[in-house]
Amino acid sequence: MEPTDLTIEILKSIRDEVKQTNVRLETMGRELGGRIDETNVRIETMGHELGRRIVESELRTSTALTELAGSVRDLTTLLRVQGELRPRVEKCEHDIAELQHRAAHA
């Protein structure tokens, strides 16, 4: 082979290798694109699931707060009633003590 033919053969070989590399790169690009698309779908699905869970959690929290507010209201009413009865109870206890004292000295 003459040097020119050898150079041509080497260049052809390099050209063929570059073509094969390009094919592999294109294939890899498609595969990566597909994997990225799949990942995006999974992320979007997780986002929807996370949003649903947050809403459910907020509903549970809201329900618990509403129940707590009702309990606090009931307790406040009970304490108010007890506060209103205190003077009557103290008077009754005073009257009972007075009657016991009279009965003991009678």
C-alpha atoms as a PDB file:
ATOM      1  CA  MET A   1       0.000   0.000   0.000  1.00  0.00           C
ATOM      2  CA  GLU A   2       1.172   3.417  -0.769  1.00  0.00           C
ATOM      3  CA  PRO A   3       1.286   6.005   2.023  1.00  0.00           C
ATOM      4  CA  THR A   4      -1.665   7.808   0.486  1.00  0.00           C
ATOM      5  CA  ASP A   5      -3.774   4.654   0.487  1.00  0.00           C
ATOM      6  CA  LEU A   6      -2.810   3.966   4.110  1.00  0.00           C
ATOM      7  CA  THR A   7      -3.802   7.486   5.106  1.00  0.00           C
ATOM      8  CA  ILE A   8      -7.110   7.079   3.307  1.00  0.00           C
ATOM      9  CA  GLU A   9      -7.766   3.759   5.068  1.00  0.00           C
ATOM     10  CA  ILE A  10      -6.942   5.275   8.467  1.00  0.00           C
ATOM     11  CA  LEU A  11      -9.248   8.215   7.759  1.00  0.00           C
ATOM     12  CA  LYS A  12     -12.026   5.835   6.657  1.00  0.00           C
ATOM     13  CA  SER A  13     -11.540   3.851   9.855  1.00  0.00           C
ATOM     14  CA  ILE A  14     -11.713   7.032  11.929  1.00  0.00           C
ATOM     15  CA  ARG A  15     -14.852   8.095  10.025  1.00  0.00           C
ATOM     16  CA  ASP A  16     -16.508   4.718  10.725  1.00  0.00           C
ATOM     17  CA  GLU A  17     -15.591   4.946  14.426  1.00  0.00           C
ATOM     18  CA  VAL A  18     -17.045   8.483  14.602  1.00  0.00           C
ATOM     19  CA  LYS A  19     -20.281   7.255  12.986  1.00  0.00           C
ATOM     20  CA  GLN A  20     -20.543   4.414  15.517  1.00  0.00           C
ATOM     21  CA  THR A  21     -19.851   6.831  18.347  1.00  0.00           C
ATOM     22  CA  ASN A  22     -22.567   9.170  17.048  1.00  0.00           C
ATOM     23  CA  VAL A  23     -25.052   6.276  16.881  1.00  0.00           C
ATOM     24  CA  ARG A  24     -24.198   5.278  20.460  1.00  0.00           C
ATOM     25  CA  LEU A  25     -24.538   8.901  21.614  1.00  0.00           C
ATOM     26  CA  GLU A  26     -27.919   9.264  19.891  1.00  0.00           C
ATOM     27  CA  THR A  27     -29.126   6.023  21.479  1.00  0.00           C
ATOM     28  CA  MET A  28     -27.859   7.122  24.876  1.00  0.00           C
ATOM     29  CA  GLY A  29     -29.547  10.527  24.388  1.00  0.00           C
ATOM     30  CA  ARG A  30     -32.899   8.857  23.640  1.00  0.00           C
ATOM     31  CA  GLU A  31     -32.543   6.549  26.646  1.00  0.00           C
ATOM     32  CA  LEU A  32     -31.663   9.443  28.930  1.00  0.00           C
ATOM     33  CA  GLY A  33     -34.540  11.490  27.538  1.00  0.00           C
ATOM     34  CA  GLY A  34     -36.920   8.613  28.278  1.00  0.00           C
ATOM     35  CA  ARG A  35     -35.567   8.233  31.795  1.00  0.00           C
ATOM     36  CA  ILE A  36     -35.899  11.976  32.398  1.00  0.00           C
ATOM     37  CA  ASP A  37     -39.511  11.858  31.172  1.00  0.00           C
ATOM     38  CA  GLU A  38     -40.239   8.931  33.520  1.00  0.00           C
ATOM     39  CA  THR A  39     -38.617  10.790  36.405  1.00  0.00           C
ATOM     40  CA  ASN A  40     -40.683  13.897  35.662  1.00  0.00           C
ATOM     41  CA  VAL A  41     -43.885  11.812  35.697  1.00  0.00           C
ATOM     42  CA  ARG A  42     -42.907  10.257  39.036  1.00  0.00           C
ATOM     43  CA  ILE A  43     -42.103  13.668  40.500  1.00  0.00           C
ATOM     44  CA  GLU A  44     -45.425  15.065  39.291  1.00  0.00           C
ATOM     45  CA  THR A  45     -47.284  12.073  40.738  1.00  0.00           C
ATOM     46  CA  MET A  46     -45.475  12.487  44.049  1.00  0.00           C
ATOM     47  CA  GLY A  47     -46.359  16.183  44.016  1.00  0.00           C
ATOM     48  CA  HIS A  48     -50.058  15.382  43.605  1.00  0.00           C
ATOM     49  CA  GLU A  49     -49.865  12.734  46.354  1.00  0.00           C
ATOM     50  CA  LEU A  50     -48.059  15.137  48.662  1.00  0.00           C
ATOM     51  CA  GLY A  51     -50.662  17.824  47.979  1.00  0.00           C
ATOM     52  CA  ARG A  52     -53.468  15.362  48.770  1.00  0.00           C
ATOM     53  CA  ARG A  53     -51.794  14.337  52.010  1.00  0.00           C
ATOM     54  CA  ILE A  54     -51.302  17.961  53.041  1.00  0.00           C
ATOM     55  CA  VAL A  55     -54.985  18.688  52.447  1.00  0.00           C
ATOM     56  CA  GLU A  56     -55.984  15.625  54.481  1.00  0.00           C
ATOM     57  CA  SER A  57     -53.651  16.673  57.285  1.00  0.00           C
ATOM     58  CA  GLU A  58     -55.049  20.203  57.271  1.00  0.00           C
ATOM     59  CA  LEU A  59     -58.579  18.809  57.481  1.00  0.00           C
ATOM     60  CA  ARG A  60     -57.658  16.626  60.465  1.00  0.00           C
ATOM     61  CA  THR A  61     -55.963  19.584  62.152  1.00  0.00           C
ATOM     62  CA  SER A  62     -58.950  21.830  61.482  1.00  0.00           C
ATOM     63  CA  THR A  63     -61.344  19.238  62.900  1.00  0.00           C
ATOM     64  CA  ALA A  64     -59.202  18.808  66.007  1.00  0.00           C
ATOM     65  CA  LEU A  65     -59.036  22.597  66.507  1.00  0.00           C
ATOM     66  CA  THR A  66     -62.806  22.878  66.159  1.00  0.00           C
ATOM     67  CA  GLU A  67     -63.307  20.125  68.741  1.00  0.00           C
ATOM     68  CA  LEU A  68     -60.787  21.769  71.049  1.00  0.00           C
ATOM     69  CA  ALA A  69     -62.563  25.126  70.738  1.00  0.00           C
ATOM     70  CA  GLY A  70     -65.849  23.425  71.681  1.00  0.00           C
ATOM     71  CA  SER A  71     -64.227  21.795  74.706  1.00  0.00           C
ATOM     72  CA  VAL A  72     -62.734  25.103  75.837  1.00  0.00           C
ATOM     73  CA  ARG A  73     -66.144  26.751  75.446  1.00  0.00           C
ATOM     74  CA  ASP A  74     -67.786  23.986  77.525  1.00  0.00           C
ATOM     75  CA  LEU A  75     -65.109  24.269  80.204  1.00  0.00           C
ATOM     76  CA  THR A  76     -65.477  28.051  80.319  1.00  0.00           C
ATOM     77  CA  THR A  77     -69.243  27.678  80.779  1.00  0.00           C
ATOM     78  CA  LEU A  78     -68.730  25.123  83.558  1.00  0.00           C
ATOM     79  CA  LEU A  79     -66.240  27.347  85.366  1.00  0.00           C
ATOM     80  CA  ARG A  80     -68.568  30.329  85.025  1.00  0.00           C
ATOM     81  CA  VAL A  81     -71.465  28.329  86.513  1.00  0.00           C
ATOM     82  CA  GLN A  82     -69.256  27.108  89.365  1.00  0.00           C
ATOM     83  CA  GLY A  83     -68.142  30.673  90.005  1.00  0.00           C
ATOM     84  CA  GLU A  84     -71.757  31.786  90.174  1.00  0.00           C
ATOM     85  CA  LEU A  85     -72.637  28.977  92.616  1.00  0.00           C
ATOM     86  CA  ARG A  86     -69.702  29.583  94.932  1.00  0.00           C
ATOM     87  CA  PRO A  87     -71.384  32.335  97.036  1.00  0.00           C
ATOM     88  CA  ARG A  88     -74.525  30.168  97.435  1.00  0.00           C
ATOM     89  CA  VAL A  89     -72.458  27.121  98.449  1.00  0.00           C
ATOM     90  CA  GLU A  90     -70.494  29.181 100.951  1.00  0.00           C
ATOM     91  CA  LYS A  91     -73.763  30.560 102.436  1.00  0.00           C
ATOM     92  CA  CYS A  92     -75.201  27.023 102.670  1.00  0.00           C
ATOM     93  CA  GLU A  93     -72.023  25.774 104.366  1.00  0.00           C
ATOM     94  CA  HIS A  94     -72.193  28.717 106.782  1.00  0.00           C
ATOM     95  CA  ASP A  95     -75.880  27.990 107.521  1.00  0.00           C
ATOM     96  CA  ILE A  96     -75.107  24.270 108.069  1.00  0.00           C
ATOM     97  CA  ALA A  97     -72.263  25.101 110.428  1.00  0.00           C
ATOM     98  CA  GLU A  98     -74.560  27.493 112.322  1.00  0.00           C
ATOM     99  CA  LEU A  99     -77.295  24.861 112.588  1.00  0.00           C
ATOM    100  CA  GLN A 100     -74.765  22.253 113.798  1.00  0.00           C
ATOM    101  CA  HIS A 101     -73.528  24.711 116.391  1.00  0.00           C
ATOM    102  CA  ARG A 102     -77.094  25.405 117.594  1.00  0.00           C
ATOM    103  CA  ALA A 103     -77.937  21.695 117.676  1.00  0.00           C
ATOM    104  CA  ALA A 104     -74.805  20.964 119.660  1.00  0.00           C
ATOM    105  CA  HIS A 105     -75.710  23.632 122.262  1.00  0.00           C
ATOM    106  CA  ALA A 106     -79.368  22.905 122.465  1.00  0.00           C
END
